[in-house]
Amino acid sequence: SRVGAFAFSTREPVLGAMDASDNKIILVDLPGLLEGAHKGKGLGDEFL
């Protein structure tokens, strides 16, 4: 996932697989949410 010392360095969801014994746990990194995201602010509803 893109990393930067500024807001919104992640522009889209990123999936990653974490090892867990003989299994894998799938994590998703969702882009940062602003207040009002549920209404679409900052494309929040697209990410949620």
All heavy atoms as atom14 arrays in JSON, in Angstrom:
{
  "sequence": "SRVGAFAFSTREPVLGAMDASDNKIILVDLPGLLEGAHKGKGLGDEFL",
  "atom14_mask": [
    [1, 1, 1, 1, 1, 1, 0, 0, 0, 0, 0, 0, 0, 0],
    [1, 1, 1, 1, 1, 1, 1, 1, 1, 1, 1, 0, 0, 0],
    [1, 1, 1, 1, 1, 1, 1, 0, 0, 0, 0, 0, 0, 0],
    [1, 1, 1, 1, 0, 0, 0, 0, 0, 0, 0, 0, 0, 0],
    [1, 1, 1, 1, 1, 0, 0, 0, 0, 0, 0, 0, 0, 0],
    [1, 1, 1, 1, 1, 1, 1, 1, 1, 1, 1, 0, 0, 0],
    [1, 1, 1, 1, 1, 0, 0, 0, 0, 0, 0, 0, 0, 0],
    [1, 1, 1, 1, 1, 1, 1, 1, 1, 1, 1, 0, 0, 0],
    [1, 1, 1, 1, 1, 1, 0, 0, 0, 0, 0, 0, 0, 0],
    [1, 1, 1, 1, 1, 1, 1, 0, 0, 0, 0, 0, 0, 0],
    [1, 1, 1, 1, 1, 1, 1, 1, 1, 1, 1, 0, 0, 0],
    [1, 1, 1, 1, 1, 1, 1, 1, 1, 0, 0, 0, 0, 0],
    [1, 1, 1, 1, 1, 1, 1, 0, 0, 0, 0, 0, 0, 0],
    [1, 1, 1, 1, 1, 1, 1, 0, 0, 0, 0, 0, 0, 0],
    [1, 1, 1, 1, 1, 1, 1, 1, 0, 0, 0, 0, 0, 0],
    [1, 1, 1, 1, 0, 0, 0, 0, 0, 0, 0, 0, 0, 0],
    [1, 1, 1, 1, 1, 0, 0, 0, 0, 0, 0, 0, 0, 0],
    [1, 1, 1, 1, 1, 1, 1, 1, 0, 0, 0, 0, 0, 0],
    [1, 1, 1, 1, 1, 1, 1, 1, 0, 0, 0, 0, 0, 0],
    [1, 1, 1, 1, 1, 0, 0, 0, 0, 0, 0, 0, 0, 0],
    [1, 1, 1, 1, 1, 1, 0, 0, 0, 0, 0, 0, 0, 0],
    [1, 1, 1, 1, 1, 1, 1, 1, 0, 0, 0, 0, 0, 0],
    [1, 1, 1, 1, 1, 1, 1, 1, 0, 0, 0, 0, 0, 0],
    [1, 1, 1, 1, 1, 1, 1, 1, 1, 0, 0, 0, 0, 0],
    [1, 1, 1, 1, 1, 1, 1, 1, 0, 0, 0, 0, 0, 0],
    [1, 1, 1, 1, 1, 1, 1, 1, 0, 0, 0, 0, 0, 0],
    [1, 1, 1, 1, 1, 1, 1, 1, 0, 0, 0, 0, 0, 0],
    [1, 1, 1, 1, 1, 1, 1, 0, 0, 0, 0, 0, 0, 0],
    [1, 1, 1, 1, 1, 1, 1, 1, 0, 0, 0, 0, 0, 0],
    [1, 1, 1, 1, 1, 1, 1, 1, 0, 0, 0, 0, 0, 0],
    [1, 1, 1, 1, 1, 1, 1, 0, 0, 0, 0, 0, 0, 0],
    [1, 1, 1, 1, 0, 0, 0, 0, 0, 0, 0, 0, 0, 0],
    [1, 1, 1, 1, 1, 1, 1, 1, 0, 0, 0, 0, 0, 0],
    [1, 1, 1, 1, 1, 1, 1, 1, 0, 0, 0, 0, 0, 0],
    [1, 1, 1, 1, 1, 1, 1, 1, 1, 0, 0, 0, 0, 0],
    [1, 1, 1, 1, 0, 0, 0, 0, 0, 0, 0, 0, 0, 0],
    [1, 1, 1, 1, 1, 0, 0, 0, 0, 0, 0, 0, 0, 0],
    [1, 1, 1, 1, 1, 1, 1, 1, 1, 1, 0, 0, 0, 0],
    [1, 1, 1, 1, 1, 1, 1, 1, 1, 0, 0, 0, 0, 0],
    [1, 1, 1, 1, 0, 0, 0, 0, 0, 0, 0, 0, 0, 0],
    [1, 1, 1, 1, 1, 1, 1, 1, 1, 0, 0, 0, 0, 0],
    [1, 1, 1, 1, 0, 0, 0, 0, 0, 0, 0, 0, 0, 0],
    [1, 1, 1, 1, 1, 1, 1, 1, 0, 0, 0, 0, 0, 0],
    [1, 1, 1, 1, 0, 0, 0, 0, 0, 0, 0, 0, 0, 0],
    [1, 1, 1, 1, 1, 1, 1, 1, 0, 0, 0, 0, 0, 0],
    [1, 1, 1, 1, 1, 1, 1, 1, 1, 0, 0, 0, 0, 0],
    [1, 1, 1, 1, 1, 1, 1, 1, 1, 1, 1, 0, 0, 0],
    [1, 1, 1, 1, 1, 1, 1, 1, 0, 0, 0, 0, 0, 0]
  ],
  "atom14_positions": [
    [[0.84, -1.19, 0.0], [0.0, 0.0, 0.0], [0.88, 1.24, 0.0], [1.9, 1.31, 0.68], [-0.89, -0.01, 1.25], [-1.82, 1.05, 1.22], [0.0, 0.0, 0.0], [0.0, 0.0, 0.0], [0.0, 0.0, 0.0], [0.0, 0.0, 0.0], [0.0, 0.0, 0.0], [0.0, 0.0, 0.0], [0.0, 0.0, 0.0], [0.0, 0.0, 0.0]],
    [[0.47, 2.25, -0.78], [1.27, 3.46, -0.89], [1.33, 4.17, 0.45], [0.32, 4.34, 1.13], [0.63, 4.38, -1.94], [1.43, 5.65, -2.2], [0.69, 6.52, -3.2], [1.39, 7.79, -3.4], [0.81, 8.88, -3.89], [-0.46, 8.85, -4.21], [1.49, 9.98, -4.05], [0.0, 0.0, 0.0], [0.0, 0.0, 0.0], [0.0, 0.0, 0.0]],
    [[2.51, 4.59, 0.83], [2.72, 5.26, 2.11], [3.28, 6.65, 1.86], [4.19, 6.83, 1.06], [3.7, 4.47, 3.0], [3.97, 5.22, 4.29], [3.15, 3.08, 3.31], [0.0, 0.0, 0.0], [0.0, 0.0, 0.0], [0.0, 0.0, 0.0], [0.0, 0.0, 0.0], [0.0, 0.0, 0.0], [0.0, 0.0, 0.0], [0.0, 0.0, 0.0]],
    [[2.72, 7.66, 2.57], [3.23, 9.02, 2.43], [2.92, 9.8, 3.68], [1.94, 9.53, 4.38], [0.0, 0.0, 0.0], [0.0, 0.0, 0.0], [0.0, 0.0, 0.0], [0.0, 0.0, 0.0], [0.0, 0.0, 0.0], [0.0, 0.0, 0.0], [0.0, 0.0, 0.0], [0.0, 0.0, 0.0], [0.0, 0.0, 0.0], [0.0, 0.0, 0.0]],
    [[3.75, 10.78, 3.98], [3.54, 11.6, 5.17], [2.57, 12.74, 4.88], [2.83, 13.9, 5.14], [4.88, 12.16, 5.64], [0.0, 0.0, 0.0], [0.0, 0.0, 0.0], [0.0, 0.0, 0.0], [0.0, 0.0, 0.0], [0.0, 0.0, 0.0], [0.0, 0.0, 0.0], [0.0, 0.0, 0.0], [0.0, 0.0, 0.0], [0.0, 0.0, 0.0]],
    [[1.43, 12.36, 4.29], [0.41, 13.35, 3.97], [-0.92, 12.61, 3.86], [-0.97, 11.4, 3.68], [0.74, 14.07, 2.65], [1.12, 13.16, 1.53], [0.15, 12.63, 0.69], [2.44, 12.8, 1.33], [0.5, 11.79, -0.34], [2.8, 11.95, 0.3], [1.83, 11.44, -0.55], [0.0, 0.0, 0.0], [0.0, 0.0, 0.0], [0.0, 0.0, 0.0]],
    [[-1.98, 13.38, 3.97], [-3.31, 12.77, 3.92], [-3.6, 12.22, 2.52], [-3.1, 12.72, 1.53], [-4.37, 13.8, 4.31], [0.0, 0.0, 0.0], [0.0, 0.0, 0.0], [0.0, 0.0, 0.0], [0.0, 0.0, 0.0], [0.0, 0.0, 0.0], [0.0, 0.0, 0.0], [0.0, 0.0, 0.0], [0.0, 0.0, 0.0], [0.0, 0.0, 0.0]],
    [[-4.43, 11.19, 2.49], [-4.91, 10.59, 1.24], [-3.8, 9.96, 0.41], [-3.86, 9.95, -0.8], [-5.67, 11.63, 0.38], [-6.86, 12.2, 1.07], [-6.85, 13.51, 1.5], [-7.98, 11.43, 1.3], [-7.95, 14.05, 2.14], [-9.1, 11.97, 1.94], [-9.07, 13.28, 2.37], [0.0, 0.0, 0.0], [0.0, 0.0, 0.0], [0.0, 0.0, 0.0]],
    [[-2.76, 9.42, 1.07], [-1.75, 8.72, 0.29], [-2.32, 7.43, -0.3], [-1.84, 6.95, -1.32], [-0.51, 8.41, 1.15], [-0.85, 7.6, 2.25], [0.0, 0.0, 0.0], [0.0, 0.0, 0.0], [0.0, 0.0, 0.0], [0.0, 0.0, 0.0], [0.0, 0.0, 0.0], [0.0, 0.0, 0.0], [0.0, 0.0, 0.0], [0.0, 0.0, 0.0]],
    [[-3.33, 6.85, 0.35], [-4.02, 5.68, -0.19], [-5.25, 6.15, -0.95], [-6.13, 6.79, -0.38], [-4.44, 4.7, 0.92], [-3.28, 4.29, 1.63], [-5.12, 3.48, 0.34], [0.0, 0.0, 0.0], [0.0, 0.0, 0.0], [0.0, 0.0, 0.0], [0.0, 0.0, 0.0], [0.0, 0.0, 0.0], [0.0, 0.0, 0.0], [0.0, 0.0, 0.0]],
    [[-5.3, 5.82, -2.23], [-6.39, 6.3, -3.09], [-7.43, 5.23, -3.38], [-8.49, 5.53, -3.92], [-5.81, 6.8, -4.42], [-4.84, 7.96, -4.26], [-5.56, 9.23, -3.86], [-4.65, 10.37, -3.75], [-5.03, 11.61, -3.54], [-6.32, 11.88, -3.42], [-4.15, 12.58, -3.44], [0.0, 0.0, 0.0], [0.0, 0.0, 0.0], [0.0, 0.0, 0.0]],
    [[-7.13, 3.99, -3.05], [-8.07, 2.91, -3.29], [-7.81, 1.79, -2.3], [-6.72, 1.71, -1.73], [-7.94, 2.4, -4.73], [-6.56, 1.9, -5.06], [-6.39, 1.63, -6.54], [-6.88, 2.43, -7.36], [-5.77, 0.61, -6.88], [0.0, 0.0, 0.0], [0.0, 0.0, 0.0], [0.0, 0.0, 0.0], [0.0, 0.0, 0.0], [0.0, 0.0, 0.0]],
    [[-8.8, 0.92, -2.06], [-8.59, -0.16, -1.1], [-7.44, -1.08, -1.51], [-7.2, -1.31, -2.7], [-9.93, -0.91, -1.14], [-10.92, 0.1, -1.62], [-10.17, 0.96, -2.59], [0.0, 0.0, 0.0], [0.0, 0.0, 0.0], [0.0, 0.0, 0.0], [0.0, 0.0, 0.0], [0.0, 0.0, 0.0], [0.0, 0.0, 0.0], [0.0, 0.0, 0.0]],
    [[-6.72, -1.58, -0.51], [-5.59, -2.48, -0.75], [-5.79, -3.74, 0.08], [-6.06, -3.65, 1.29], [-4.25, -1.81, -0.37], [-3.1, -2.81, -0.52], [-4.0, -0.59, -1.25], [0.0, 0.0, 0.0], [0.0, 0.0, 0.0], [0.0, 0.0, 0.0], [0.0, 0.0, 0.0], [0.0, 0.0, 0.0], [0.0, 0.0, 0.0], [0.0, 0.0, 0.0]],
    [[-5.67, -4.89, -0.55], [-5.79, -6.17, 0.14], [-4.41, -6.72, 0.48], [-3.45, -6.55, -0.27], [-6.53, -7.19, -0.73], [-8.03, -6.99, -0.94], [-8.55, -8.02, -1.94], [-8.8, -7.1, 0.36], [0.0, 0.0, 0.0], [0.0, 0.0, 0.0], [0.0, 0.0, 0.0], [0.0, 0.0, 0.0], [0.0, 0.0, 0.0], [0.0, 0.0, 0.0]],
    [[-4.32, -7.39, 1.63], [-3.09, -8.06, 2.03], [-3.4, -9.31, 2.81], [-4.43, -9.38, 3.5], [0.0, 0.0, 0.0], [0.0, 0.0, 0.0], [0.0, 0.0, 0.0], [0.0, 0.0, 0.0], [0.0, 0.0, 0.0], [0.0, 0.0, 0.0], [0.0, 0.0, 0.0], [0.0, 0.0, 0.0], [0.0, 0.0, 0.0], [0.0, 0.0, 0.0]],
    [[-2.55, -10.32, 2.7], [-2.75, -11.59, 3.39], [-1.75, -11.71, 4.53], [-0.54, -11.67, 4.32], [-2.61, -12.76, 2.43], [0.0, 0.0, 0.0], [0.0, 0.0, 0.0], [0.0, 0.0, 0.0], [0.0, 0.0, 0.0], [0.0, 0.0, 0.0], [0.0, 0.0, 0.0], [0.0, 0.0, 0.0], [0.0, 0.0, 0.0], [0.0, 0.0, 0.0]],
    [[-2.25, -11.88, 5.76], [-1.41, -12.02, 6.94], [-1.34, -13.48, 7.34], [-2.37, -14.15, 7.49], [-1.98, -11.19, 8.1], [-1.09, -11.15, 9.33], [-1.87, -10.32, 10.74], [-2.82, -11.69, 11.43], [0.0, 0.0, 0.0], [0.0, 0.0, 0.0], [0.0, 0.0, 0.0], [0.0, 0.0, 0.0], [0.0, 0.0, 0.0], [0.0, 0.0, 0.0]],
    [[-0.14, -14.0, 7.51], [0.02, -15.39, 7.93], [-0.49, -15.58, 9.34], [-0.21, -14.78, 10.25], [1.5, -15.8, 7.87], [2.0, -15.91, 6.44], [1.21, -16.32, 5.57], [3.18, -15.57, 6.19], [0.0, 0.0, 0.0], [0.0, 0.0, 0.0], [0.0, 0.0, 0.0], [0.0, 0.0, 0.0], [0.0, 0.0, 0.0], [0.0, 0.0, 0.0]],
    [[-1.23, -16.68, 9.54], [-1.77, -17.01, 10.86], [-1.74, -18.52, 11.02], [-2.69, -19.21, 10.64], [-3.19, -16.48, 11.02], [0.0, 0.0, 0.0], [0.0, 0.0, 0.0], [0.0, 0.0, 0.0], [0.0, 0.0, 0.0], [0.0, 0.0, 0.0], [0.0, 0.0, 0.0], [0.0, 0.0, 0.0], [0.0, 0.0, 0.0], [0.0, 0.0, 0.0]],
    [[-0.63, -19.04, 11.54], [-0.42, -20.48, 11.66], [-0.52, -21.11, 10.28], [0.22, -20.76, 9.39], [-1.44, -21.08, 12.64], [-1.27, -20.49, 13.93], [0.0, 0.0, 0.0], [0.0, 0.0, 0.0], [0.0, 0.0, 0.0], [0.0, 0.0, 0.0], [0.0, 0.0, 0.0], [0.0, 0.0, 0.0], [0.0, 0.0, 0.0], [0.0, 0.0, 0.0]],
    [[-1.46, -22.05, 10.11], [-1.62, -22.7, 8.81], [-2.69, -22.03, 7.97], [-3.2, -22.6, 7.01], [-1.96, -24.18, 9.01], [-3.23, -24.37, 9.83], [-3.7, -23.38, 10.43], [-3.74, -25.5, 9.89], [0.0, 0.0, 0.0], [0.0, 0.0, 0.0], [0.0, 0.0, 0.0], [0.0, 0.0, 0.0], [0.0, 0.0, 0.0], [0.0, 0.0, 0.0]],
    [[-3.04, -20.81, 8.32], [-4.12, -20.1, 7.63], [-3.63, -18.72, 7.24], [-2.54, -18.29, 7.6], [-5.34, -20.0, 8.56], [-6.59, -19.61, 7.82], [-6.62, -19.61, 6.6], [-7.63, -19.28, 8.57], [0.0, 0.0, 0.0], [0.0, 0.0, 0.0], [0.0, 0.0, 0.0], [0.0, 0.0, 0.0], [0.0, 0.0, 0.0], [0.0, 0.0, 0.0]],
    [[-4.43, -18.01, 6.49], [-4.15, -16.62, 6.15], [-5.38, -15.77, 6.48], [-6.51, -16.2, 6.25], [-3.78, -16.46, 4.68], [-2.37, -16.95, 4.34], [-2.0, -16.59, 2.91], [-0.59, -17.08, 2.58], [0.44, -16.34, 3.32], [0.0, 0.0, 0.0], [0.0, 0.0, 0.0], [0.0, 0.0, 0.0], [0.0, 0.0, 0.0], [0.0, 0.0, 0.0]],
    [[-5.14, -14.6, 7.01], [-6.21, -13.65, 7.28], [-6.08, -12.51, 6.28], [-5.01, -11.91, 6.15], [-6.12, -13.12, 8.72], [-6.34, -14.27, 9.72], [-7.15, -12.01, 8.96], [-6.13, -13.87, 11.17], [0.0, 0.0, 0.0], [0.0, 0.0, 0.0], [0.0, 0.0, 0.0], [0.0, 0.0, 0.0], [0.0, 0.0, 0.0], [0.0, 0.0, 0.0]],
    [[-7.16, -12.23, 5.57], [-7.15, -11.19, 4.54], [-7.54, -9.86, 5.17], [-8.62, -9.72, 5.76], [-8.11, -11.53, 3.38], [-7.78, -12.91, 2.81], [-8.01, -10.46, 2.29], [-6.36, -13.04, 2.28], [0.0, 0.0, 0.0], [0.0, 0.0, 0.0], [0.0, 0.0, 0.0], [0.0, 0.0, 0.0], [0.0, 0.0, 0.0], [0.0, 0.0, 0.0]],
    [[-6.64, -8.89, 5.05], [-6.87, -7.54, 5.55], [-7.13, -6.6, 4.39], [-6.58, -6.79, 3.3], [-5.67, -7.03, 6.34], [-5.11, -7.92, 7.46], [-3.91, -7.24, 8.11], [-6.17, -8.24, 8.49], [0.0, 0.0, 0.0], [0.0, 0.0, 0.0], [0.0, 0.0, 0.0], [0.0, 0.0, 0.0], [0.0, 0.0, 0.0], [0.0, 0.0, 0.0]],
    [[-7.97, -5.59, 4.6], [-8.18, -4.56, 3.59], [-7.91, -3.2, 4.22], [-8.44, -2.88, 5.29], [-9.6, -4.63, 2.97], [-10.7, -4.47, 4.01], [-9.75, -3.58, 1.88], [0.0, 0.0, 0.0], [0.0, 0.0, 0.0], [0.0, 0.0, 0.0], [0.0, 0.0, 0.0], [0.0, 0.0, 0.0], [0.0, 0.0, 0.0], [0.0, 0.0, 0.0]],
    [[-7.06, -2.44, 3.58], [-6.73, -1.08, 4.0], [-7.62, -0.13, 3.2], [-7.45, 0.01, 1.98], [-5.24, -0.83, 3.72], [-4.86, 0.65, 3.79], [-5.59, 1.42, 4.44], [-3.84, 1.03, 3.19], [0.0, 0.0, 0.0], [0.0, 0.0, 0.0], [0.0, 0.0, 0.0], [0.0, 0.0, 0.0], [0.0, 0.0, 0.0], [0.0, 0.0, 0.0]],
    [[-8.58, 0.49, 3.89], [-9.49, 1.41, 3.2], [-8.94, 2.83, 3.27], [-8.38, 3.25, 4.29], [-10.88, 1.38, 3.84], [-11.62, 0.04, 3.78], [-13.01, 0.17, 4.39], [-11.74, -0.44, 2.34], [0.0, 0.0, 0.0], [0.0, 0.0, 0.0], [0.0, 0.0, 0.0], [0.0, 0.0, 0.0], [0.0, 0.0, 0.0], [0.0, 0.0, 0.0]],
    [[-9.08, 3.59, 2.18], [-8.63, 4.98, 2.19], [-9.24, 5.76, 3.35], [-10.34, 5.45, 3.82], [-9.12, 5.51, 0.84], [-9.14, 4.3, -0.03], [-9.6, 3.18, 0.86], [0.0, 0.0, 0.0], [0.0, 0.0, 0.0], [0.0, 0.0, 0.0], [0.0, 0.0, 0.0], [0.0, 0.0, 0.0], [0.0, 0.0, 0.0], [0.0, 0.0, 0.0]],
    [[-8.53, 6.78, 3.82], [-8.97, 7.55, 4.98], [-10.34, 8.16, 4.8], [-10.71, 8.62, 3.72], [0.0, 0.0, 0.0], [0.0, 0.0, 0.0], [0.0, 0.0, 0.0], [0.0, 0.0, 0.0], [0.0, 0.0, 0.0], [0.0, 0.0, 0.0], [0.0, 0.0, 0.0], [0.0, 0.0, 0.0], [0.0, 0.0, 0.0], [0.0, 0.0, 0.0]],
    [[-11.1, 8.16, 5.89], [-12.47, 8.64, 5.86], [-12.57, 10.03, 6.49], [-12.02, 10.29, 7.56], [-13.39, 7.68, 6.62], [-13.43, 6.23, 6.1], [-14.37, 5.4, 6.96], [-13.86, 6.18, 4.64], [0.0, 0.0, 0.0], [0.0, 0.0, 0.0], [0.0, 0.0, 0.0], [0.0, 0.0, 0.0], [0.0, 0.0, 0.0], [0.0, 0.0, 0.0]],
    [[-13.3, 10.89, 5.81], [-13.58, 12.22, 6.33], [-14.95, 12.24, 6.99], [-15.78, 11.35, 6.76], [-13.58, 13.24, 5.18], [-12.28, 13.41, 4.39], [-12.54, 14.3, 3.19], [-11.2, 14.0, 5.27], [0.0, 0.0, 0.0], [0.0, 0.0, 0.0], [0.0, 0.0, 0.0], [0.0, 0.0, 0.0], [0.0, 0.0, 0.0], [0.0, 0.0, 0.0]],
    [[-15.2, 13.23, 7.8], [-16.54, 13.41, 8.35], [-17.49, 13.66, 7.19], [-17.23, 14.49, 6.32], [-16.57, 14.59, 9.32], [-17.9, 14.72, 10.04], [-17.85, 15.79, 11.13], [-16.79, 16.42, 11.29], [-18.88, 15.97, 11.81], [0.0, 0.0, 0.0], [0.0, 0.0, 0.0], [0.0, 0.0, 0.0], [0.0, 0.0, 0.0], [0.0, 0.0, 0.0]],
    [[-18.59, 12.92, 7.15], [-19.52, 12.99, 6.03], [-19.26, 11.94, 4.97], [-19.85, 11.96, 3.91], [0.0, 0.0, 0.0], [0.0, 0.0, 0.0], [0.0, 0.0, 0.0], [0.0, 0.0, 0.0], [0.0, 0.0, 0.0], [0.0, 0.0, 0.0], [0.0, 0.0, 0.0], [0.0, 0.0, 0.0], [0.0, 0.0, 0.0], [0.0, 0.0, 0.0]],
    [[-18.36, 10.99, 5.28], [-18.01, 9.96, 4.3], [-19.22, 9.13, 3.89], [-19.33, 8.71, 2.73], [-16.92, 9.04, 4.87], [0.0, 0.0, 0.0], [0.0, 0.0, 0.0], [0.0, 0.0, 0.0], [0.0, 0.0, 0.0], [0.0, 0.0, 0.0], [0.0, 0.0, 0.0], [0.0, 0.0, 0.0], [0.0, 0.0, 0.0], [0.0, 0.0, 0.0]],
    [[-20.15, 8.87, 4.84], [-21.32, 8.06, 4.51], [-22.21, 8.72, 3.47], [-23.02, 8.07, 2.82], [-22.13, 7.77, 5.78], [-22.81, 8.97, 6.38], [-22.12, 9.88, 7.17], [-24.09, 9.41, 6.29], [-22.97, 10.84, 7.55], [-24.16, 10.58, 7.03], [0.0, 0.0, 0.0], [0.0, 0.0, 0.0], [0.0, 0.0, 0.0], [0.0, 0.0, 0.0]],
    [[-22.04, 10.04, 3.29], [-22.8, 10.78, 2.26], [-22.01, 10.92, 0.97], [-22.48, 11.53, 0.03], [-23.17, 12.16, 2.78], [-24.08, 12.15, 4.0], [-24.37, 13.57, 4.45], [-25.28, 13.6, 5.67], [-25.52, 14.99, 6.14], [0.0, 0.0, 0.0], [0.0, 0.0, 0.0], [0.0, 0.0, 0.0], [0.0, 0.0, 0.0], [0.0, 0.0, 0.0]],
    [[-20.8, 10.38, 0.96], [-19.98, 10.44, -0.24], [-18.85, 11.42, -0.19], [-18.1, 11.55, -1.15], [0.0, 0.0, 0.0], [0.0, 0.0, 0.0], [0.0, 0.0, 0.0], [0.0, 0.0, 0.0], [0.0, 0.0, 0.0], [0.0, 0.0, 0.0], [0.0, 0.0, 0.0], [0.0, 0.0, 0.0], [0.0, 0.0, 0.0], [0.0, 0.0, 0.0]],
    [[-18.69, 12.15, 0.91], [-17.6, 13.12, 0.99], [-16.27, 12.4, 0.89], [-16.01, 11.43, 1.59], [-17.67, 13.91, 2.3], [-16.64, 15.04, 2.36], [-16.83, 15.91, 3.59], [-15.82, 17.05, 3.62], [-15.98, 17.91, 4.81], [0.0, 0.0, 0.0], [0.0, 0.0, 0.0], [0.0, 0.0, 0.0], [0.0, 0.0, 0.0], [0.0, 0.0, 0.0]],
    [[-15.41, 12.91, 0.0], [-14.13, 12.25, -0.21], [-14.27, 10.86, -0.81], [-13.39, 10.03, -0.67], [0.0, 0.0, 0.0], [0.0, 0.0, 0.0], [0.0, 0.0, 0.0], [0.0, 0.0, 0.0], [0.0, 0.0, 0.0], [0.0, 0.0, 0.0], [0.0, 0.0, 0.0], [0.0, 0.0, 0.0], [0.0, 0.0, 0.0], [0.0, 0.0, 0.0]],
    [[-15.39, 10.6, -1.48], [-15.7, 9.28, -2.04], [-15.82, 8.22, -0.95], [-15.62, 7.04, -1.19], [-14.64, 8.85, -3.07], [-14.54, 9.7, -4.33], [-13.45, 9.15, -5.24], [-15.86, 9.75, -5.07], [0.0, 0.0, 0.0], [0.0, 0.0, 0.0], [0.0, 0.0, 0.0], [0.0, 0.0, 0.0], [0.0, 0.0, 0.0], [0.0, 0.0, 0.0]],
    [[-16.16, 8.67, 0.27], [-16.23, 7.75, 1.39], [-17.21, 6.62, 1.2], [-16.94, 5.48, 1.59], [0.0, 0.0, 0.0], [0.0, 0.0, 0.0], [0.0, 0.0, 0.0], [0.0, 0.0, 0.0], [0.0, 0.0, 0.0], [0.0, 0.0, 0.0], [0.0, 0.0, 0.0], [0.0, 0.0, 0.0], [0.0, 0.0, 0.0], [0.0, 0.0, 0.0]],
    [[-18.38, 6.9, 0.59], [-19.35, 5.84, 0.4], [-18.85, 4.79, -0.58], [-19.22, 3.62, -0.49], [-20.71, 6.4, -0.04], [-20.62, 7.22, -1.32], [-19.52, 7.68, -1.66], [-21.67, 7.41, -1.96], [0.0, 0.0, 0.0], [0.0, 0.0, 0.0], [0.0, 0.0, 0.0], [0.0, 0.0, 0.0], [0.0, 0.0, 0.0], [0.0, 0.0, 0.0]],
    [[-18.0, 5.2, -1.53], [-17.42, 4.24, -2.46], [-16.46, 3.29, -1.75], [-16.31, 2.14, -2.13], [-16.68, 4.98, -3.58], [-17.58, 5.75, -4.52], [-18.53, 4.83, -5.28], [-18.08, 3.8, -5.81], [-19.74, 5.13, -5.33], [0.0, 0.0, 0.0], [0.0, 0.0, 0.0], [0.0, 0.0, 0.0], [0.0, 0.0, 0.0], [0.0, 0.0, 0.0]],
    [[-15.8, 3.78, -0.7], [-14.85, 2.95, 0.03], [-15.54, 2.12, 1.12], [-15.18, 0.98, 1.36], [-13.77, 3.82, 0.66], [-12.97, 4.62, -0.33], [-12.55, 5.9, -0.04], [-12.64, 4.07, -1.56], [-11.81, 6.63, -0.96], [-11.9, 4.79, -2.49], [-11.48, 6.07, -2.19], [0.0, 0.0, 0.0], [0.0, 0.0, 0.0], [0.0, 0.0, 0.0]],
    [[-16.53, 2.7, 1.78], [-17.18, 2.02, 2.9], [-17.88, 0.73, 2.46], [-18.01, -0.2, 3.25], [-18.18, 2.96, 3.59], [-17.57, 3.97, 4.55], [-18.62, 4.99, 4.98], [-17.0, 3.27, 5.77], [0.0, 0.0, 0.0], [0.0, 0.0, 0.0], [0.0, 0.0, 0.0], [0.0, 0.0, 0.0], [0.0, 0.0, 0.0], [0.0, 0.0, 0.0]]
  ]
}
